[in-house]
PDB file of N, CA and C in Angstrom:
ATOM      1  N   UNK A   1       0.259  -3.526  -6.831  1.00  0.00           N
ATOM      2  CA  UNK A   1       1.815  -3.041  -5.996  1.00  0.00           C
ATOM      3  C   UNK A   1       1.989  -2.693  -6.656  1.00  0.00           C
ATOM      4  N   UNK A   2       2.811  -1.407  -5.745  1.00  0.00           N
ATOM      5  CA  UNK A   2       4.047  -0.701  -6.458  1.00  0.00           C
ATOM      6  C   UNK A   2       4.405  -0.309  -5.609  1.00  0.00           C
ATOM      7  N   UNK A   3       5.863   0.412  -5.941  1.00  0.00           N
ATOM      8  CA  UNK A   3       7.155   0.515  -4.911  1.00  0.00           C
ATOM      9  C   UNK A   3       8.043   1.965  -5.657  1.00  0.00           C
ATOM     10  N   UNK A   4       6.653   3.724  -4.620  1.00  0.00           N
ATOM     11  CA  UNK A   4       8.295   4.186  -5.128  1.00  0.00           C
ATOM     12  C   UNK A   4       8.311   5.072  -4.026  1.00  0.00           C
ATOM     13  N   UNK A   5      10.236   5.441  -5.475  1.00  0.00           N
ATOM     14  CA  UNK A   5      10.662   5.497  -5.133  1.00  0.00           C
ATOM     15  C   UNK A   5      11.802   6.839  -5.035  1.00  0.00           C
ATOM     16  N   UNK A   6      13.015   7.120  -4.860  1.00  0.00           N
ATOM     17  CA  UNK A   6      14.133   7.948  -4.995  1.00  0.00           C
ATOM     18  C   UNK A   6      15.802   7.951  -4.673  1.00  0.00           C
ATOM     19  N   UNK A   7      15.053   6.598  -4.099  1.00  0.00           N
ATOM     20  CA  UNK A   7      17.070   6.261  -3.170  1.00  0.00           C
ATOM     21  C   UNK A   7      16.746   4.476  -3.036  1.00  0.00           C
ATOM     22  N   UNK A   8      17.748   4.211  -2.817  1.00  0.00           N
ATOM     23  CA  UNK A   8      17.732   2.370  -2.245  1.00  0.00           C
ATOM     24  C   UNK A   8      17.578   2.319  -0.602  1.00  0.00           C
ATOM     25  N   UNK A   9      16.884   4.169  -0.001  1.00  0.00           N
ATOM     26  CA  UNK A   9      17.310   3.984   1.978  1.00  0.00           C
ATOM     27  C   UNK A   9      15.381   4.075   1.777  1.00  0.00           C
ATOM     28  N   UNK A  10      15.042   2.941   3.165  1.00  0.00           N
ATOM     29  CA  UNK A  10      14.231   2.240   3.189  1.00  0.00           C
ATOM     30  C   UNK A  10      13.109   3.723   3.503  1.00  0.00           C
ATOM     31  N   UNK A  11      13.655   4.843   4.053  1.00  0.00           N
ATOM     32  CA  UNK A  11      12.920   5.836   4.915  1.00  0.00           C
ATOM     33  C   UNK A  11      12.176   6.930   3.014  1.00  0.00           C
ATOM     34  N   UNK A  12      13.012   6.037   1.528  1.00  0.00           N
ATOM     35  CA  UNK A  12      12.643   6.859   0.496  1.00  0.00           C
ATOM     36  C   UNK A  12      11.821   6.070  -0.318  1.00  0.00           C
ATOM     37  N   UNK A  13      11.576   5.227   0.524  1.00  0.00           N
ATOM     38  CA  UNK A  13      10.364   3.887  -0.300  1.00  0.00           C
ATOM     39  C   UNK A  13       8.984   4.420  -0.299  1.00  0.00           C
ATOM     40  N   UNK A  14       8.349   4.135  -0.832  1.00  0.00           N
ATOM     41  CA  UNK A  14       7.019   4.767  -0.668  1.00  0.00           C
ATOM     42  C   UNK A  14       6.320   3.162  -1.355  1.00  0.00           C
ATOM     43  N   UNK A  15       5.540   2.546  -0.574  1.00  0.00           N
ATOM     44  CA  UNK A  15       4.562   1.144  -0.851  1.00  0.00           C
ATOM     45  C   UNK A  15       2.996   1.907  -0.653  1.00  0.00           C
ATOM     46  N   UNK A  16       3.053   1.293  -2.024  1.00  0.00           N
ATOM     47  CA  UNK A  16       1.975   1.865  -2.849  1.00  0.00           C
ATOM     48  C   UNK A  16       0.497   0.354  -3.602  1.00  0.00           C
ATOM     49  N   UNK A  17      -0.744  -0.107  -2.608  1.00  0.00           N
ATOM     50  CA  UNK A  17      -1.420  -1.473  -3.516  1.00  0.00           C
ATOM     51  C   UNK A  17      -2.412  -0.619  -3.511  1.00  0.00           C
ATOM     52  N   UNK A  18      -2.897  -0.594  -5.003  1.00  0.00           N
ATOM     53  CA  UNK A  18      -4.331  -0.797  -5.662  1.00  0.00           C
ATOM     54  C   UNK A  18      -5.350  -1.988  -5.491  1.00  0.00           C
ATOM     55  N   UNK A  19      -5.953  -1.230  -5.408  1.00  0.00           N
ATOM     56  CA  UNK A  19      -7.600  -2.461  -5.768  1.00  0.00           C
ATOM     57  C   UNK A  19      -8.176  -1.910  -7.080  1.00  0.00           C
ATOM     58  N   UNK A  20      -8.569  -2.291  -8.115  1.00  0.00           N
ATOM     59  CA  UNK A  20      -9.400  -1.769  -9.027  1.00  0.00           C
ATOM     60  C   UNK A  20     -10.232  -3.182  -9.356  1.00  0.00           C
ATOM     61  N   UNK A  21     -11.874  -2.321 -10.104  1.00  0.00           N
ATOM     62  CA  UNK A  21     -12.196  -3.175 -10.896  1.00  0.00           C
ATOM     63  C   UNK A  21     -12.641  -2.061 -12.197  1.00  0.00           C
ATOM     64  N   UNK A  22     -13.059  -3.171 -12.862  1.00  0.00           N
ATOM     65  CA  UNK A  22     -13.346  -1.915 -14.379  1.00  0.00           C
ATOM     66  C   UNK A  22     -12.201  -0.805 -14.736  1.00  0.00           C
ATOM     67  N   UNK A  23     -11.966  -0.905 -14.142  1.00  0.00           N
ATOM     68  CA  UNK A  23     -10.248   0.063 -14.437  1.00  0.00           C
ATOM     69  C   UNK A  23     -10.967   1.359 -13.739  1.00  0.00           C
ATOM     70  N   UNK A  24     -11.769   0.916 -12.608  1.00  0.00           N
ATOM     71  CA  UNK A  24     -11.953   1.984 -11.973  1.00  0.00           C
ATOM     72  C   UNK A  24     -10.584   1.643 -10.164  1.00  0.00           C
ATOM     73  N   UNK A  25      -9.946   1.863  -9.112  1.00  0.00           N
ATOM     74  CA  UNK A  25      -9.758   2.452  -8.288  1.00  0.00           C
ATOM     75  C   UNK A  25     -10.507   1.908  -7.563  1.00  0.00           C
ATOM     76  N   UNK A  26     -10.434   1.287  -6.737  1.00  0.00           N
ATOM     77  CA  UNK A  26     -11.863   1.259  -5.957  1.00  0.00           C
ATOM     78  C   UNK A  26     -11.454   1.421  -4.102  1.00  0.00           C
ATOM     79  N   UNK A  27     -10.143   1.439  -4.061  1.00  0.00           N
ATOM     80  CA  UNK A  27      -9.935   1.022  -2.499  1.00  0.00           C
ATOM     81  C   UNK A  27      -8.431   0.823  -3.134  1.00  0.00           C
ATOM     82  N   UNK A  28      -6.890   1.593  -1.947  1.00  0.00           N
ATOM     83  CA  UNK A  28      -5.872   1.946  -1.783  1.00  0.00           C
ATOM     84  C   UNK A  28      -5.086   2.052  -0.210  1.00  0.00           C
ATOM     85  N   UNK A  29      -3.931   1.110  -0.670  1.00  0.00           N
ATOM     86  CA  UNK A  29      -2.953   1.052   0.852  1.00  0.00           C
ATOM     87  C   UNK A  29      -2.085   2.161   0.745  1.00  0.00           C
ATOM     88  N   UNK A  30      -1.262   2.916   1.098  1.00  0.00           N
ATOM     89  CA  UNK A  30      -0.603   4.077   1.097  1.00  0.00           C
ATOM     90  C   UNK A  30       0.567   3.645   2.120  1.00  0.00           C
ATOM     91  N   UNK A  31       1.503   3.218   2.042  1.00  0.00           N
ATOM     92  CA  UNK A  31       2.334   3.312   3.354  1.00  0.00           C
ATOM     93  C   UNK A  31       2.406   4.827   4.773  1.00  0.00           C
ATOM     94  N   UNK A  32       2.683   5.588   3.852  1.00  0.00           N
ATOM     95  CA  UNK A  32       2.368   6.650   4.035  1.00  0.00           C
ATOM     96  C   UNK A  32       1.588   7.188   4.900  1.00  0.00           C
ATOM     97  N   UNK A  33       0.417   6.736   5.010  1.00  0.00           N
ATOM     98  CA  UNK A  33      -0.627   7.308   5.130  1.00  0.00           C
ATOM     99  C   UNK A  33      -1.062   6.660   6.249  1.00  0.00           C
ATOM    100  N   UNK A  34      -1.360   5.202   5.487  1.00  0.00           N
ATOM    101  CA  UNK A  34      -1.195   4.554   6.890  1.00  0.00           C
ATOM    102  C   UNK A  34      -2.281   3.274   7.229  1.00  0.00           C
ATOM    103  N   UNK A  35      -2.983   3.754   6.636  1.00  0.00           N
ATOM    104  CA  UNK A  35      -4.357   2.605   6.574  1.00  0.00           C
ATOM    105  C   UNK A  35      -4.593   2.926   4.089  1.00  0.00           C
ATOM    106  N   UNK A  36      -5.771   1.941   4.514  1.00  0.00           N
ATOM    107  CA  UNK A  36      -6.344   1.954   3.454  1.00  0.00           C
ATOM    108  C   UNK A  36      -7.573   3.021   3.434  1.00  0.00           C
ATOM    109  N   UNK A  37      -8.071   3.143   2.184  1.00  0.00           N
ATOM    110  CA  UNK A  37      -8.777   4.890   1.382  1.00  0.00           C
ATOM    111  C   UNK A  37      -8.960   4.264   0.723  1.00  0.00           C
ATOM    112  N   UNK A  38     -10.617   4.377   0.699  1.00  0.00           N
ATOM    113  CA  UNK A  38     -11.588   4.180   0.010  1.00  0.00           C
ATOM    114  C   UNK A  38     -11.632   5.006  -1.519  1.00  0.00           C
ATOM    115  N   UNK A  39     -11.832   4.935  -2.037  1.00  0.00           N
ATOM    116  CA  UNK A  39     -12.344   5.434  -3.371  1.00  0.00           C
ATOM    117  C   UNK A  39     -13.731   5.664  -3.631  1.00  0.00           C
ATOM    118  N   UNK A  40     -14.613   4.003  -3.798  1.00  0.00           N
ATOM    119  CA  UNK A  40     -16.199   5.237  -3.623  1.00  0.00           C
ATOM    120  C   UNK A  40     -16.600   4.436  -3.027  1.00  0.00           C
ATOM    121  N   UNK A  41     -18.009   3.903  -3.461  1.00  0.00           N
ATOM    122  CA  UNK A  41     -18.455   2.903  -2.132  1.00  0.00           C
ATOM    123  C   UNK A  41     -18.278   1.986  -1.090  1.00  0.00           C
ATOM    124  N   UNK A  42     -17.907   0.701  -2.229  1.00  0.00           N
ATOM    125  CA  UNK A  42     -17.527  -0.519  -1.673  1.00  0.00           C
ATOM    126  C   UNK A  42     -16.559  -0.192  -0.909  1.00  0.00           C
ATOM    127  N   UNK A  43     -14.725   0.844  -1.635  1.00  0.00           N
ATOM    128  CA  UNK A  43     -14.248   0.642  -1.035  1.00  0.00           C
ATOM    129  C   UNK A  43     -14.030   1.445   0.004  1.00  0.00           C
ATOM    130  N   UNK A  44     -15.000   2.858   0.363  1.00  0.00           N
ATOM    131  CA  UNK A  44     -14.448   2.749   1.244  1.00  0.00           C
ATOM    132  C   UNK A  44     -15.200   2.049   2.536  1.00  0.00           C
ATOM    133  N   UNK A  45     -16.743   1.350   3.017  1.00  0.00           N
ATOM    134  CA  UNK A  45     -16.502   0.396   3.181  1.00  0.00           C
ATOM    135  C   UNK A  45     -15.783  -0.316   3.564  1.00  0.00           C
ATOM    136  N   UNK A  46     -15.277  -1.682   2.785  1.00  0.00           N
ATOM    137  CA  UNK A  46     -13.643  -1.912   2.596  1.00  0.00           C
ATOM    138  C   UNK A  46     -13.005  -1.767   3.594  1.00  0.00           C
ATOM    139  N   UNK A  47     -12.317  -0.280   3.099  1.00  0.00           N
ATOM    140  CA  UNK A  47     -11.988   0.515   4.100  1.00  0.00           C
ATOM    141  C   UNK A  47     -11.909   0.466   5.720  1.00  0.00           C
ATOM    142  N   UNK A  48     -12.867   1.426   5.824  1.00  0.00           N
ATOM    143  CA  UNK A  48     -13.129   0.827   6.808  1.00  0.00           C
ATOM    144  C   UNK A  48     -12.929  -0.377   8.276  1.00  0.00           C
ATOM    145  N   UNK A  49     -14.113  -1.569   7.787  1.00  0.00           N
ATOM    146  CA  UNK A  49     -13.560  -3.005   7.260  1.00  0.00           C
ATOM    147  C   UNK A  49     -12.164  -3.609   8.454  1.00  0.00           C
ATOM    148  N   UNK A  50     -10.655  -3.353   6.692  1.00  0.00           N
ATOM    149  CA  UNK A  50      -9.846  -3.349   6.370  1.00  0.00           C
ATOM    150  C   UNK A  50      -9.081  -3.427   7.595  1.00  0.00           C
ATOM    151  N   UNK A  51      -9.384  -1.427   7.486  1.00  0.00           N
ATOM    152  CA  UNK A  51      -9.151  -0.561   8.576  1.00  0.00           C
ATOM    153  C   UNK A  51      -8.425  -1.319  10.217  1.00  0.00           C
ATOM    154  N   UNK A  52      -9.661  -1.733  10.996  1.00  0.00           N
ATOM    155  CA  UNK A  52      -9.935  -2.605  11.958  1.00  0.00           C
ATOM    156  C   UNK A  52      -9.578  -3.089  12.161  1.00  0.00           C
ATOM    157  N   UNK A  53      -8.751  -4.072  11.739  1.00  0.00           N
ATOM    158  CA  UNK A  53      -7.638  -4.798  11.660  1.00  0.00           C
ATOM    159  C   UNK A  53      -6.434  -4.839  11.745  1.00  0.00           C
ATOM    160  N   UNK A  54      -6.037  -4.308  13.173  1.00  0.00           N
ATOM    161  CA  UNK A  54      -4.354  -3.407  13.314  1.00  0.00           C
ATOM    162  C   UNK A  54      -3.286  -5.560  12.636  1.00  0.00           C
ATOM    163  N   UNK A  55      -3.621  -6.277  12.707  1.00  0.00           N
ATOM    164  CA  UNK A  55      -2.854  -7.269  11.864  1.00  0.00           C
ATOM    165  C   UNK A  55      -2.832  -6.730  10.227  1.00  0.00           C
ATOM    166  N   UNK A  56      -3.460  -7.169   9.811  1.00  0.00           N
ATOM    167  CA  UNK A  56      -3.971  -6.574   8.707  1.00  0.00           C
ATOM    168  C   UNK A  56      -3.008  -5.255   7.810  1.00  0.00           C
ATOM    169  N   UNK A  57      -3.606  -4.231   9.120  1.00  0.00           N
ATOM    170  CA  UNK A  57      -2.374  -3.052   9.176  1.00  0.00           C
ATOM    171  C   UNK A  57      -0.817  -2.933   9.138  1.00  0.00           C
ATOM    172  N   UNK A  58      -0.830  -3.914   9.894  1.00  0.00           N
ATOM    173  CA  UNK A  58       1.343  -4.230  10.617  1.00  0.00           C
ATOM    174  C   UNK A  58       1.394  -5.579   8.829  1.00  0.00           C
ATOM    175  N   UNK A  59       0.255  -6.008   8.916  1.00  0.00           N
ATOM    176  CA  UNK A  59       1.020  -6.762   7.295  1.00  0.00           C
ATOM    177  C   UNK A  59       1.936  -5.533   6.030  1.00  0.00           C
ATOM    178  N   UNK A  60       0.496  -4.872   6.087  1.00  0.00           N
ATOM    179  CA  UNK A  60       0.695  -4.091   4.857  1.00  0.00           C
ATOM    180  C   UNK A  60       1.382  -3.168   4.902  1.00  0.00           C
ATOM    181  N   UNK A  61       1.969  -2.266   6.002  1.00  0.00           N
ATOM    182  CA  UNK A  61       2.844  -1.266   6.393  1.00  0.00           C
ATOM    183  C   UNK A  61       4.715  -2.312   6.111  1.00  0.00           C
ATOM    184  N   UNK A  62       4.249  -3.391   6.839  1.00  0.00           N
ATOM    185  CA  UNK A  62       6.154  -4.432   6.405  1.00  0.00           C
ATOM    186  C   UNK A  62       6.535  -4.654   5.332  1.00  0.00           C
ATOM    187  N   UNK A  63       4.607  -5.133   4.292  1.00  0.00           N
ATOM    188  CA  UNK A  63       5.854  -5.195   2.715  1.00  0.00           C
ATOM    189  C   UNK A  63       7.304  -3.972   2.674  1.00  0.00           C
ATOM    190  N   UNK A  64       6.396  -2.725   2.272  1.00  0.00           N
ATOM    191  CA  UNK A  64       7.261  -2.507   1.864  1.00  0.00           C
ATOM    192  C   UNK A  64       9.083  -2.397   2.395  1.00  0.00           C
ATOM    193  N   UNK A  65       9.162  -3.087   3.341  1.00  0.00           N
ATOM    194  CA  UNK A  65      10.761  -3.574   3.695  1.00  0.00           C
ATOM    195  C   UNK A  65      10.987  -4.838   2.647  1.00  0.00           C
ATOM    196  N   UNK A  66      10.020  -5.514   3.235  1.00  0.00           N
ATOM    197  CA  UNK A  66       9.835  -7.109   2.849  1.00  0.00           C
ATOM    198  C   UNK A  66       9.201  -7.708   1.205  1.00  0.00           C
ATOM    199  N   UNK A  67       8.180  -6.466   0.615  1.00  0.00           N
ATOM    200  CA  UNK A  67       8.896  -6.345  -0.956  1.00  0.00           C
ATOM    201  C   UNK A  67       9.157  -5.275  -1.645  1.00  0.00           C
ATOM    202  N   UNK A  68       9.590  -4.266  -1.690  1.00  0.00           N
ATOM    203  CA  UNK A  68       9.575  -3.073  -1.672  1.00  0.00           C
ATOM    204  C   UNK A  68      11.236  -3.099  -1.383  1.00  0.00           C
ATOM    205  N   UNK A  69      11.657  -3.702  -1.135  1.00  0.00           N
ATOM    206  CA  UNK A  69      13.324  -2.925  -0.643  1.00  0.00           C
ATOM    207  C   UNK A  69      14.106  -3.405  -0.794  1.00  0.00           C
ATOM    208  N   UNK A  70      13.727  -4.888  -0.909  1.00  0.00           N
ATOM    209  CA  UNK A  70      14.978  -5.432  -2.156  1.00  0.00           C
ATOM    210  C   UNK A  70      14.655  -5.664  -3.641  1.00  0.00           C
ATOM    211  N   UNK A  71      13.145  -5.132  -4.143  1.00  0.00           N
ATOM    212  CA  UNK A  71      12.955  -5.554  -6.007  1.00  0.00           C
ATOM    213  C   UNK A  71      13.839  -3.547  -5.479  1.00  0.00           C
ATOM    214  N   UNK A  72      13.675  -2.871  -4.823  1.00  0.00           N
ATOM    215  CA  UNK A  72      13.811  -1.472  -5.426  1.00  0.00           C
ATOM    216  C   UNK A  72      15.857  -1.780  -5.027  1.00  0.00           C
ATOM    217  N   UNK A  73      16.231  -2.382  -4.919  1.00  0.00           N
ATOM    218  CA  UNK A  73      18.200  -2.962  -4.818  1.00  0.00           C
ATOM    219  C   UNK A  73      18.179  -3.716  -6.255  1.00  0.00           C
ATOM    220  N   UNK A  74      17.186  -4.118  -6.155  1.00  0.00           N
ATOM    221  CA  UNK A  74      18.004  -5.149  -8.131  1.00  0.00           C
ATOM    222  C   UNK A  74      17.553  -3.402  -8.895  1.00  0.00           C
ATOM    223  N   UNK A  75      16.487  -3.101  -8.862  1.00  0.00           N
ATOM    224  CA  UNK A  75      16.531  -1.997  -9.920  1.00  0.00           C
ATOM    225  C   UNK A  75      17.038  -0.596  -9.649  1.00  0.00           C
ATOM    226  N   UNK A  76      17.536  -0.313  -8.876  1.00  0.00           N
ATOM    227  CA  UNK A  76      17.856   1.089  -8.410  1.00  0.00           C
ATOM    228  C   UNK A  76      19.661   0.856  -8.586  1.00  0.00           C
TER     229      UNK A  76
END
């Protein structure tokens, strides 16, 4: 999980959550994309399942504010 930012404004913050196995990223959520994207066969299957759950997508999107905004303010 990481936050990419240019300022402490919420609009300038990007929340990214990557899932890796054996040093290979197989799925990623990026709030700018707004959904999970799979990079391997397993990742694509999981992305389809996770993207079909609106509450999971809403939860991931909310992390930009709850997780990033607080920590970026400290780092910035």
